[in-house]
Amino acid sequence: MDRRIRWLGVVLLLCFVVLFVQLNNIQILKASSYANAPGNPRVVYERYSQPRGVIESSDGQILAESVPSPHGIYRYQRVYPTGSLFSQVVGYLSYIYGASGVEASYNRYLVAHTRPVRTISDLLLSNRTETDTVTLTLSTRLQTLAQKELAGRVGSVVVIDPATGAIRAMYSNPSFDPNPLASQDTNTERLAWLADNTPDSEGVPPLLALAYQRSFPPGSTFKMVTSSAVYQRDPSLADKSYPVYTQIPLPDTNLTLHNYAYEACGGDIAQLLPPSCDTGFALIGLDLGASRLAAQARAFGFDQVPPLDIPGAAASTFPPVSSFAQNLPFLAYSAIGQGDVSATALQMALVASAIANGGLMMKPHVMKEIRSSQGSLVKTYQPTPWLKPISASTAASVAKLMRTVVTHPNGTAYGLFPASLDAAAKTGTAQTGTHHTDDWLAAFAPYTSPKVVVVVVVPDQSPNATGNSVAGPIISTMLQAAVEGS
């Protein structure tokens, strides 16, 4: 009996020790992490019962702000005055689902925080709590115009400054209204979340930002990459003349690859790019080989996530070199932006930007500056290089080819832009294999001193649609407006 009592005493003592250690662990070691845990009701209440900083466009339009909510659960309500116009960049702040976009990436500046001591008077303040204002690079004028030009069609528009990487517009349709997601009524929030994650008739949920989170076959806009590979990795191919064909046999098969509407074209690369000659560029791809073409695609950022300063950007893809070893027809198709090549509108805007910027690709960004509630500058974005995919001479050679796409009578963008705009461009019409096309156009202006790059993609169009006919009118309007506002 005494032995059992001793063992019971030992067990109880061990339990006491474990309890003591755990209490100290909770109350001392982990007290801070528990107190600040996102799921802590007290933390949630404190977070939403304090003001939050403003997010505004480059021209001062308020895109997100917190307003007093005297009848709500919390003292402040997050509101988005422009609704769906900027939502895929600004994001949302949800009580249930957290934050996205700028609301997430610049959260530490937007939340109420203690003002740093900069002056003696700051030391005398009893309350140094403040919020910051995040000003974006995006223009309300250009964003509104992009929405208008898409006219309800599924697609996206990206406008970017090639010299700095500043995104001046980035709009996608479908979009979503973030206001219901910020509701203090949980039922409203849940219904909005369900609706915003439900694909539309084209299979696209509104919460998915087509501009940087969804990729499509880039079609002939990828010829910017293939042309760059010629000048950068095998310049001898720039002078090679390819026969005039309407279609070519594909290696190791009884299949053929034909030009759009079986048009006949041929010649050297300067003659092939204006009419966007698929047979010629397919042969160029075969001559380059998988290693060089893949290396050039990756030099431009394919198979990498772009360092965009908002979360969720998707990588564009180019097939691994090994996949072409027994499949040369796919190499021919990859050289014209089809097969398993896939790109976001943001990625193709970065490709065009590198060509327009002398071969240097800048990091894309949406934050312009951050200021305190007192107006003092907290942070400003410093333009930062990301990649150097091509030399300045290669960039100049490809830019010159893109200029002829606009100016040559055989060019696929001939007559699309006013001569005064001095534009350079590349169209793209990707056959998706479902009797539909994904229609692209990438352009920059002025050619002699590029200030702006615009890329438009409108997917899932009719088989007779082209990048010029569908994306062309949109990009012409956007490019003119962007250059005029530079």
Protein backbone atom coordinates (compact mmCIF):
# COMPACT_ATOMS: atom_id res chain seq x y z
CA MET A 1 0.00 0.00 0.00
CA ASP A 2 2.84 2.40 0.97
CA ARG A 3 4.52 1.68 -2.39
CA ARG A 4 1.37 2.58 -4.31
CA ILE A 5 1.01 5.81 -2.35
CA ARG A 6 4.64 6.73 -3.12
CA TRP A 7 4.08 6.10 -6.88
CA LEU A 8 0.89 8.14 -6.78
CA GLY A 9 2.79 10.95 -5.09
CA VAL A 10 5.49 10.81 -7.80
CA VAL A 11 2.88 10.93 -10.57
CA LEU A 12 1.09 13.88 -8.94
CA LEU A 13 4.40 15.69 -8.51
CA LEU A 14 5.24 15.14 -12.19
CA CYS A 15 1.81 16.44 -13.18
CA PHE A 16 2.39 19.52 -11.06
CA VAL A 17 5.79 20.09 -12.73
CA VAL A 18 4.24 19.73 -16.21
CA LEU A 19 1.44 22.12 -15.24
CA PHE A 20 3.95 24.63 -13.86
CA VAL A 21 6.08 24.48 -17.02
CA GLN A 22 3.04 24.86 -19.27
CA LEU A 23 1.69 27.83 -17.28
CA ASN A 24 5.03 29.57 -17.58
CA ASN A 25 5.16 28.69 -21.28
CA ILE A 26 1.72 30.25 -21.86
CA GLN A 27 2.04 33.24 -19.55
CA ILE A 28 5.65 34.19 -20.27
CA LEU A 29 7.25 32.56 -23.32
CA LYS A 30 4.22 32.57 -25.62
CA ALA A 31 2.22 35.37 -24.08
CA SER A 32 3.06 37.82 -26.86
CA SER A 33 2.32 35.42 -29.73
CA TYR A 34 -1.03 34.39 -28.20
CA ALA A 35 -1.95 37.98 -27.48
CA ASN A 36 -1.28 38.96 -31.09
CA ALA A 37 -2.60 35.81 -32.78
CA PRO A 38 -4.96 36.61 -35.70
CA GLY A 39 -7.65 34.35 -34.29
CA ASN A 40 -7.66 35.95 -30.85
CA PRO A 41 -11.09 37.66 -30.55
CA ARG A 42 -9.56 40.47 -28.56
CA VAL A 43 -6.94 41.04 -31.26
CA VAL A 44 -9.64 41.06 -33.95
CA TYR A 45 -11.75 43.52 -31.98
CA GLU A 46 -8.79 45.84 -31.34
CA ARG A 47 -7.69 45.70 -34.98
CA TYR A 48 -11.07 46.68 -36.40
CA SER A 49 -11.88 49.15 -33.67
CA GLN A 50 -9.01 51.40 -34.72
CA PRO A 51 -8.72 53.52 -37.87
CA ARG A 52 -6.76 52.17 -40.81
CA GLY A 53 -4.73 54.11 -43.35
CA VAL A 54 -5.96 55.33 -46.71
CA ILE A 55 -5.04 53.76 -50.05
CA GLU A 56 -5.21 56.24 -52.93
CA SER A 57 -4.42 56.37 -56.65
CA SER A 58 -1.61 58.44 -58.13
CA ASP A 59 -4.08 61.23 -58.84
CA GLY A 60 -5.52 61.32 -55.31
CA GLN A 61 -8.66 59.20 -55.72
CA ILE A 62 -9.40 57.41 -52.44
CA LEU A 63 -9.50 53.67 -53.11
CA ALA A 64 -9.83 52.40 -49.53
CA GLU A 65 -10.47 54.07 -46.20
CA SER A 66 -11.89 53.38 -42.76
CA VAL A 67 -14.96 55.32 -41.64
CA PRO A 68 -16.64 55.39 -38.20
CA SER A 69 -19.28 52.73 -37.75
CA PRO A 70 -21.39 53.76 -34.72
CA HIS A 71 -23.88 50.91 -35.11
CA GLY A 72 -21.52 48.12 -36.13
CA ILE A 73 -19.75 45.46 -34.09
CA TYR A 74 -16.48 47.33 -34.56
CA ARG A 75 -15.88 51.05 -34.34
CA TYR A 76 -14.60 51.37 -37.92
CA GLN A 77 -15.79 50.05 -41.27
CA ARG A 78 -13.46 49.57 -44.27
CA VAL A 79 -14.97 50.99 -47.47
CA TYR A 80 -13.88 50.99 -51.11
CA PRO A 81 -15.36 54.02 -52.93
CA THR A 82 -14.43 52.82 -56.46
CA GLY A 83 -15.89 49.33 -55.98
CA SER A 84 -14.58 46.83 -58.53
CA LEU A 85 -12.42 49.27 -60.50
CA PHE A 86 -9.21 48.80 -58.49
CA SER A 87 -10.13 45.77 -56.38
CA GLN A 88 -7.73 43.28 -57.95
CA VAL A 89 -4.84 45.56 -57.02
CA VAL A 90 -6.09 47.15 -53.79
CA GLY A 91 -7.55 43.84 -52.59
CA TYR A 92 -9.91 43.47 -49.64
CA LEU A 93 -9.81 43.42 -45.85
CA SER A 94 -12.21 40.78 -44.57
CA TYR A 95 -13.05 39.94 -40.95
CA ILE A 96 -13.32 36.26 -41.94
CA TYR A 97 -11.03 35.80 -44.95
CA GLY A 98 -8.15 38.14 -44.13
CA ALA A 99 -6.52 40.52 -46.59
CA SER A 100 -5.29 40.53 -50.17
CA GLY A 101 -3.59 42.91 -52.59
CA VAL A 102 -2.19 46.18 -51.27
CA GLU A 103 -4.24 45.70 -48.10
CA ALA A 104 -2.05 42.67 -47.36
CA SER A 105 1.37 43.67 -48.67
CA TYR A 106 1.40 47.13 -47.07
CA ASN A 107 -0.58 46.16 -43.97
CA ARG A 108 2.11 47.27 -41.50
CA TYR A 109 1.84 50.84 -42.77
CA LEU A 110 -1.96 50.86 -42.92
CA VAL A 111 -2.65 49.52 -39.42
CA ALA A 112 -2.62 51.91 -36.48
CA HIS A 113 0.91 52.09 -35.10
CA THR A 114 2.98 54.24 -32.81
CA ARG A 115 4.46 57.27 -34.49
CA PRO A 116 8.28 57.25 -34.31
CA VAL A 117 9.86 60.06 -32.34
CA ARG A 118 11.21 62.61 -34.80
CA THR A 119 10.99 65.82 -32.79
CA ILE A 120 10.96 66.93 -29.15
CA SER A 121 7.24 67.67 -29.43
CA ASP A 122 6.66 64.00 -30.32
CA LEU A 123 7.97 63.07 -26.87
CA LEU A 124 5.31 65.23 -25.24
CA LEU A 125 2.37 63.63 -27.06
CA SER A 126 0.24 61.38 -24.92
CA ASN A 127 -1.09 59.54 -27.97
CA ARG A 128 1.33 58.90 -30.82
CA THR A 129 -0.90 56.38 -32.64
CA GLU A 130 -1.21 57.07 -36.37
CA THR A 131 -1.84 55.42 -39.73
CA ASP A 132 -0.07 55.94 -43.05
CA THR A 133 -1.44 56.69 -46.49
CA VAL A 134 -0.30 54.41 -49.31
CA THR A 135 -0.28 56.14 -52.70
CA LEU A 136 -0.25 53.87 -55.74
CA THR A 137 1.30 54.34 -59.17
CA LEU A 138 -2.04 53.58 -60.85
CA SER A 139 -3.99 56.32 -62.58
CA THR A 140 -7.75 56.55 -62.10
CA ARG A 141 -8.08 57.93 -65.62
CA LEU A 142 -6.25 55.01 -67.25
CA GLN A 143 -7.87 52.39 -65.01
CA THR A 144 -11.34 53.72 -65.86
CA LEU A 145 -10.47 53.80 -69.55
CA ALA A 146 -9.27 50.18 -69.44
CA GLN A 147 -12.56 49.13 -67.87
CA LYS A 148 -14.49 51.07 -70.52
CA GLU A 149 -12.49 49.66 -73.44
CA LEU A 150 -12.89 46.04 -72.35
CA ALA A 151 -16.62 46.76 -72.40
CA GLY A 152 -17.56 43.80 -70.22
CA ARG A 153 -15.48 41.26 -72.14
CA VAL A 154 -13.26 38.83 -70.25
CA GLY A 155 -9.71 40.13 -70.54
CA SER A 156 -7.05 42.33 -69.04
CA VAL A 157 -5.08 45.50 -69.70
CA VAL A 158 -1.65 46.31 -68.26
CA VAL A 159 0.01 49.72 -68.62
CA ILE A 160 3.57 50.05 -67.33
CA ASP A 161 6.43 52.53 -67.38
CA PRO A 162 9.36 50.57 -68.89
CA ALA A 163 12.01 52.79 -67.29
CA THR A 164 10.79 52.35 -63.70
CA GLY A 165 8.45 49.33 -63.61
CA ALA A 166 5.64 51.53 -62.26
CA ILE A 167 2.26 50.06 -63.17
CA ARG A 168 -0.02 52.85 -64.31
CA ALA A 169 -3.09 50.67 -64.92
CA MET A 170 -3.87 47.00 -64.38
CA TYR A 171 -7.48 46.08 -64.88
CA SER A 172 -9.12 42.70 -65.47
CA ASN A 173 -12.65 41.62 -66.15
CA PRO A 174 -14.38 39.93 -64.37
CA SER A 175 -13.67 41.88 -61.21
CA PHE A 176 -15.33 42.05 -57.79
CA ASP A 177 -16.68 44.60 -55.34
CA PRO A 178 -14.62 44.36 -52.11
CA ASN A 179 -17.22 46.21 -50.00
CA PRO A 180 -19.36 43.13 -49.16
CA LEU A 181 -16.20 41.27 -48.15
CA ALA A 182 -15.52 44.02 -45.59
CA SER A 183 -19.04 43.86 -44.19
CA GLN A 184 -19.50 43.46 -40.44
CA ASP A 185 -22.34 41.07 -41.20
CA THR A 186 -20.84 37.59 -41.49
CA ASN A 187 -23.64 36.29 -43.71
CA THR A 188 -23.04 39.10 -46.21
CA GLU A 189 -19.34 38.31 -46.14
CA ARG A 190 -19.81 34.59 -46.74
CA LEU A 191 -22.26 35.10 -49.61
CA ALA A 192 -19.89 37.57 -51.26
CA TRP A 193 -16.98 35.14 -50.87
CA LEU A 194 -19.01 32.37 -52.49
CA ALA A 195 -20.07 34.60 -55.39
CA ASP A 196 -16.56 35.98 -55.95
CA ASN A 197 -15.09 32.47 -56.09
CA THR A 198 -17.74 31.16 -58.49
CA PRO A 199 -16.55 31.00 -62.12
CA ASP A 200 -18.53 33.03 -64.63
CA SER A 201 -19.72 31.75 -68.02
CA GLU A 202 -16.11 31.85 -69.26
CA GLY A 203 -14.89 29.82 -66.27
CA VAL A 204 -13.20 32.76 -64.53
CA PRO A 205 -13.95 33.58 -60.85
CA PRO A 206 -13.94 37.33 -60.10
CA LEU A 207 -11.33 36.98 -57.35
CA LEU A 208 -8.80 35.71 -59.92
CA ALA A 209 -6.96 38.69 -61.42
CA LEU A 210 -6.42 37.76 -65.07
CA ALA A 211 -3.71 40.39 -65.49
CA TYR A 212 -1.19 38.71 -63.18
CA GLN A 213 -2.74 35.49 -61.78
CA ARG A 214 -3.86 33.70 -64.96
CA SER A 215 -1.77 32.78 -68.00
CA PHE A 216 -2.76 32.12 -71.60
CA PRO A 217 -0.91 31.00 -74.75
CA PRO A 218 0.77 34.25 -75.84
CA GLY A 219 0.64 33.42 -79.54
CA SER A 220 2.76 35.61 -81.77
CA THR A 221 3.55 38.14 -79.05
CA PHE A 222 6.07 35.47 -77.99
CA LYS A 223 7.94 36.23 -81.23
CA MET A 224 9.41 39.14 -79.26
CA VAL A 225 11.24 36.45 -77.26
CA THR A 226 12.13 34.32 -80.30
CA SER A 227 13.45 37.38 -82.17
CA SER A 228 15.51 38.32 -79.12
CA ALA A 229 16.98 34.80 -79.03
CA VAL A 230 18.13 35.23 -82.63
CA TYR A 231 20.02 38.47 -82.04
CA GLN A 232 21.23 37.51 -78.56
CA ARG A 233 22.16 33.84 -79.03
CA ASP A 234 22.67 33.17 -82.77
CA PRO A 235 22.97 36.43 -84.77
CA SER A 236 23.74 34.48 -87.97
CA LEU A 237 20.07 33.53 -88.14
CA ALA A 238 19.09 37.20 -88.52
CA ASP A 239 20.42 37.14 -92.09
CA LYS A 240 19.13 33.72 -93.03
CA SER A 241 16.39 33.80 -95.66
CA TYR A 242 13.60 31.28 -95.21
CA PRO A 243 11.59 30.05 -98.21
CA VAL A 244 8.12 31.38 -98.94
CA TYR A 245 5.60 28.88 -97.61
CA THR A 246 1.92 28.70 -96.82
CA GLN A 247 2.58 25.67 -94.60
CA ILE A 248 5.51 23.49 -93.58
CA PRO A 249 5.77 19.80 -92.64
CA LEU A 250 6.52 19.21 -88.98
CA PRO A 251 9.54 17.03 -88.13
CA ASP A 252 8.95 13.32 -87.48
CA THR A 253 5.23 13.56 -88.29
CA ASN A 254 2.85 13.71 -91.22
CA LEU A 255 1.37 16.95 -89.82
CA THR A 256 1.82 20.49 -91.06
CA LEU A 257 1.97 23.96 -89.53
CA HIS A 258 0.33 26.67 -91.60
CA ASN A 259 0.16 30.44 -91.59
CA TYR A 260 -2.94 32.39 -90.65
CA ALA A 261 -5.47 31.88 -93.48
CA TYR A 262 -2.74 29.95 -95.34
CA GLU A 263 -1.00 33.17 -96.33
CA ALA A 264 2.36 32.82 -98.11
CA CYS A 265 5.38 34.43 -96.44
CA GLY A 266 9.13 34.04 -96.16
CA GLY A 267 12.45 35.89 -96.10
CA ASP A 268 14.81 36.97 -93.32
CA ILE A 269 13.66 37.95 -89.84
CA ALA A 270 13.10 41.58 -90.86
CA GLN A 271 10.66 40.32 -93.48
CA LEU A 272 9.09 37.65 -91.27
CA LEU A 273 8.05 39.73 -88.26
CA PRO A 274 5.80 42.39 -89.88
CA PRO A 275 3.31 39.82 -91.27
CA SER A 276 3.94 37.57 -88.23
CA CYS A 277 4.98 34.66 -90.43
CA ASP A 278 4.34 31.47 -88.45
CA THR A 279 6.13 29.13 -90.86
CA GLY A 280 9.26 31.29 -90.83
CA PHE A 281 9.36 31.66 -87.06
CA ALA A 282 8.68 27.95 -86.56
CA LEU A 283 11.74 27.23 -88.69
CA ILE A 284 13.73 29.82 -86.74
CA GLY A 285 12.75 28.01 -83.55
CA LEU A 286 13.97 24.70 -84.95
CA ASP A 287 17.24 26.34 -86.03
CA LEU A 288 17.75 27.95 -82.63
CA GLY A 289 17.14 24.68 -80.85
CA ALA A 290 15.41 24.01 -77.57
CA SER A 291 18.30 25.02 -75.31
CA ARG A 292 18.75 28.51 -76.71
CA LEU A 293 15.05 29.27 -77.03
CA ALA A 294 14.33 28.03 -73.51
CA ALA A 295 17.30 29.95 -72.11
CA GLN A 296 16.02 33.17 -73.69
CA ALA A 297 12.51 32.64 -72.36
CA ARG A 298 13.84 32.12 -68.87
CA ALA A 299 16.11 35.13 -69.21
CA PHE A 300 12.92 37.15 -69.73
CA GLY A 301 11.43 35.74 -66.52
CA PHE A 302 9.45 32.73 -67.69
CA ASP A 303 9.22 29.99 -65.04
CA GLN A 304 9.74 32.63 -62.32
CA VAL A 305 7.21 34.50 -60.22
CA PRO A 306 7.46 38.21 -61.08
CA PRO A 307 8.50 40.27 -58.02
CA LEU A 308 5.26 42.25 -58.01
CA ASP A 309 4.69 44.01 -54.68
CA ILE A 310 1.25 42.47 -54.16
CA PRO A 311 0.73 38.78 -53.40
CA GLY A 312 -0.48 36.08 -55.76
CA ALA A 313 1.37 36.75 -59.02
CA ALA A 314 1.62 33.65 -61.21
CA ALA A 315 4.68 32.42 -63.09
CA SER A 316 4.53 32.20 -66.86
CA THR A 317 5.82 28.95 -68.29
CA PHE A 318 8.06 27.66 -71.07
CA PRO A 319 8.48 23.89 -71.47
CA PRO A 320 11.67 22.26 -70.14
CA VAL A 321 14.35 21.52 -72.72
CA SER A 322 13.98 17.79 -72.12
CA SER A 323 10.37 17.88 -73.32
CA PHE A 324 11.51 18.66 -76.87
CA ALA A 325 13.98 15.79 -77.19
CA GLN A 326 11.44 13.52 -78.86
CA ASN A 327 9.00 16.23 -79.84
CA LEU A 328 10.42 18.73 -82.32
CA PRO A 329 6.97 19.78 -83.57
CA PHE A 330 6.32 21.25 -80.12
CA LEU A 331 9.54 23.28 -80.43
CA ALA A 332 8.20 24.75 -83.68
CA TYR A 333 4.93 25.63 -81.96
CA SER A 334 6.71 27.01 -78.89
CA ALA A 335 8.66 29.45 -81.08
CA ILE A 336 5.33 31.01 -82.09
CA GLY A 337 3.94 31.10 -78.55
CA GLN A 338 1.74 28.04 -78.64
CA GLY A 339 2.07 24.44 -77.49
CA ASP A 340 2.75 24.51 -73.75
CA VAL A 341 3.94 28.13 -73.64
CA SER A 342 1.80 30.21 -71.30
CA ALA A 343 2.06 33.83 -70.16
CA THR A 344 0.26 36.40 -68.07
CA ALA A 345 -0.47 39.86 -69.43
CA LEU A 346 1.97 41.20 -66.83
CA GLN A 347 4.73 38.90 -68.12
CA MET A 348 4.32 40.02 -71.73
CA ALA A 349 4.27 43.63 -70.55
CA LEU A 350 7.62 42.97 -68.84
CA VAL A 351 9.02 41.41 -72.03
CA ALA A 352 7.99 44.44 -74.08
CA SER A 353 9.31 46.74 -71.34
CA ALA A 354 12.77 45.16 -71.45
CA ILE A 355 12.90 45.65 -75.22
CA ALA A 356 11.71 49.27 -74.85
CA ASN A 357 14.17 49.93 -71.99
CA GLY A 358 17.40 48.94 -73.72
CA GLY A 359 17.35 45.34 -72.50
CA LEU A 360 16.83 46.04 -68.79
CA MET A 361 13.70 44.68 -67.09
CA MET A 362 12.62 46.62 -64.00
CA LYS A 363 10.74 45.13 -61.05
CA PRO A 364 7.01 45.81 -61.47
CA HIS A 365 5.40 47.72 -58.62
CA VAL A 366 2.15 49.43 -57.62
CA MET A 367 3.34 51.45 -54.60
CA LYS A 368 4.47 55.00 -55.35
CA GLU A 369 4.98 56.39 -51.86
CA ILE A 370 3.82 56.15 -48.26
CA ARG A 371 3.20 59.18 -46.07
CA SER A 372 2.30 59.50 -42.40
CA SER A 373 -0.93 61.07 -41.21
CA GLN A 374 1.14 64.22 -40.64
CA GLY A 375 2.17 64.27 -44.30
CA SER A 376 5.81 63.35 -43.80
CA LEU A 377 7.37 60.91 -46.26
CA VAL A 378 7.75 57.43 -44.77
CA LYS A 379 8.82 55.51 -47.84
CA THR A 380 9.09 56.00 -51.58
CA TYR A 381 9.59 53.32 -54.19
CA GLN A 382 13.04 53.24 -55.72
CA PRO A 383 13.05 51.76 -59.26
CA THR A 384 14.95 48.49 -59.11
CA PRO A 385 16.28 46.29 -61.94
CA TRP A 386 15.05 42.70 -61.96
CA LEU A 387 16.57 41.03 -65.02
CA LYS A 388 18.87 41.86 -67.92
CA PRO A 389 17.55 39.40 -70.52
CA ILE A 390 19.12 41.00 -73.61
CA SER A 391 21.81 43.46 -74.56
CA ALA A 392 21.07 47.02 -75.60
CA SER A 393 21.90 46.17 -79.23
CA THR A 394 19.51 43.21 -79.21
CA ALA A 395 16.78 45.39 -77.70
CA ALA A 396 17.33 48.00 -80.41
CA SER A 397 17.16 45.37 -83.17
CA VAL A 398 13.92 43.83 -81.89
CA ALA A 399 12.36 47.24 -81.24
CA LYS A 400 13.13 48.18 -84.84
CA LEU A 401 11.33 45.04 -86.05
CA MET A 402 8.34 45.89 -83.85
CA ARG A 403 8.26 49.36 -85.38
CA THR A 404 7.88 47.82 -88.84
CA VAL A 405 4.88 45.82 -87.58
CA VAL A 406 3.17 49.22 -87.31
CA THR A 407 4.66 51.02 -90.32
CA HIS A 408 5.04 48.35 -93.03
CA PRO A 409 1.99 47.77 -95.26
CA ASN A 410 2.30 44.03 -94.56
CA GLY A 411 2.49 44.62 -90.81
CA THR A 412 -0.22 43.05 -88.66
CA ALA A 413 -0.68 46.36 -86.80
CA TYR A 414 -0.41 48.58 -89.87
CA GLY A 415 -2.77 51.56 -89.68
CA LEU A 416 -3.77 50.79 -86.10
CA PHE A 417 -2.02 53.74 -84.46
CA PRO A 418 -1.84 57.40 -85.54
CA ALA A 419 1.55 58.23 -87.07
CA SER A 420 2.11 60.92 -84.44
CA LEU A 421 2.16 58.26 -81.72
CA ASP A 422 5.34 56.68 -83.15
CA ALA A 423 4.35 53.26 -81.82
CA ALA A 424 6.01 49.84 -82.03
CA ALA A 425 3.97 46.69 -81.52
CA LYS A 426 3.50 42.95 -81.81
CA THR A 427 0.18 41.24 -82.31
CA GLY A 428 -0.73 37.75 -81.16
CA THR A 429 -3.51 35.34 -82.06
CA ALA A 430 -3.22 32.03 -80.21
CA GLN A 431 -5.23 29.07 -81.45
CA THR A 432 -6.44 27.40 -78.28
CA GLY A 433 -7.48 24.10 -79.84
CA THR A 434 -11.14 24.66 -78.98
CA HIS A 435 -12.06 26.57 -82.15
CA HIS A 436 -11.37 29.78 -80.27
CA THR A 437 -8.53 32.27 -80.10
CA ASP A 438 -6.78 34.19 -77.34
CA ASP A 439 -6.11 37.62 -78.84
CA TRP A 440 -3.14 39.72 -77.79
CA LEU A 441 -1.36 42.93 -78.58
CA ALA A 442 1.75 44.44 -77.00
CA ALA A 443 2.90 47.96 -77.86
CA PHE A 444 5.10 50.80 -76.66
CA ALA A 445 5.52 54.45 -77.59
CA PRO A 446 7.17 56.60 -78.62
CA TYR A 447 9.52 54.25 -80.47
CA THR A 448 12.40 56.72 -80.30
CA SER A 449 12.07 57.27 -76.54
CA PRO A 450 9.62 54.79 -74.99
CA LYS A 451 7.55 56.17 -72.11
CA VAL A 452 4.85 53.54 -71.78
CA VAL A 453 4.11 49.90 -72.58
CA VAL A 454 0.59 48.54 -72.96
CA VAL A 455 -0.45 44.89 -73.23
CA VAL A 456 -3.98 43.67 -73.83
CA VAL A 457 -5.27 40.10 -73.87
CA VAL A 458 -8.84 39.13 -74.66
CA PRO A 459 -9.16 35.33 -74.43
CA ASP A 460 -11.67 32.88 -75.86
CA GLN A 461 -12.69 34.78 -78.96
CA SER A 462 -14.08 33.46 -82.24
CA PRO A 463 -11.74 31.50 -84.56
CA ASN A 464 -11.74 34.37 -87.07
CA ALA A 465 -10.72 36.97 -84.47
CA THR A 466 -7.15 38.34 -84.37
CA GLY A 467 -5.04 40.34 -81.99
CA ASN A 468 -5.36 43.33 -84.30
CA SER A 469 -9.14 43.18 -84.63
CA VAL A 470 -9.97 42.46 -80.97
CA ALA A 471 -7.13 43.84 -78.83
CA GLY A 472 -6.07 46.47 -81.37
CA PRO A 473 -8.77 49.12 -80.80
CA ILE A 474 -8.34 48.78 -77.02
CA ILE A 475 -4.59 49.18 -77.08
CA SER A 476 -4.66 52.05 -79.55
CA THR A 477 -6.91 54.06 -77.23
CA MET A 478 -4.93 53.09 -74.11
CA LEU A 479 -1.54 53.85 -75.62
CA GLN A 480 -2.59 57.30 -76.82
CA ALA A 481 -4.11 58.16 -73.43
CA ALA A 482 -1.06 56.90 -71.55
CA VAL A 483 1.44 58.80 -73.69
CA GLU A 484 -0.60 61.99 -73.47
CA GLY A 485 -0.67 61.67 -69.70
CA SER A 486 3.06 60.99 -69.35
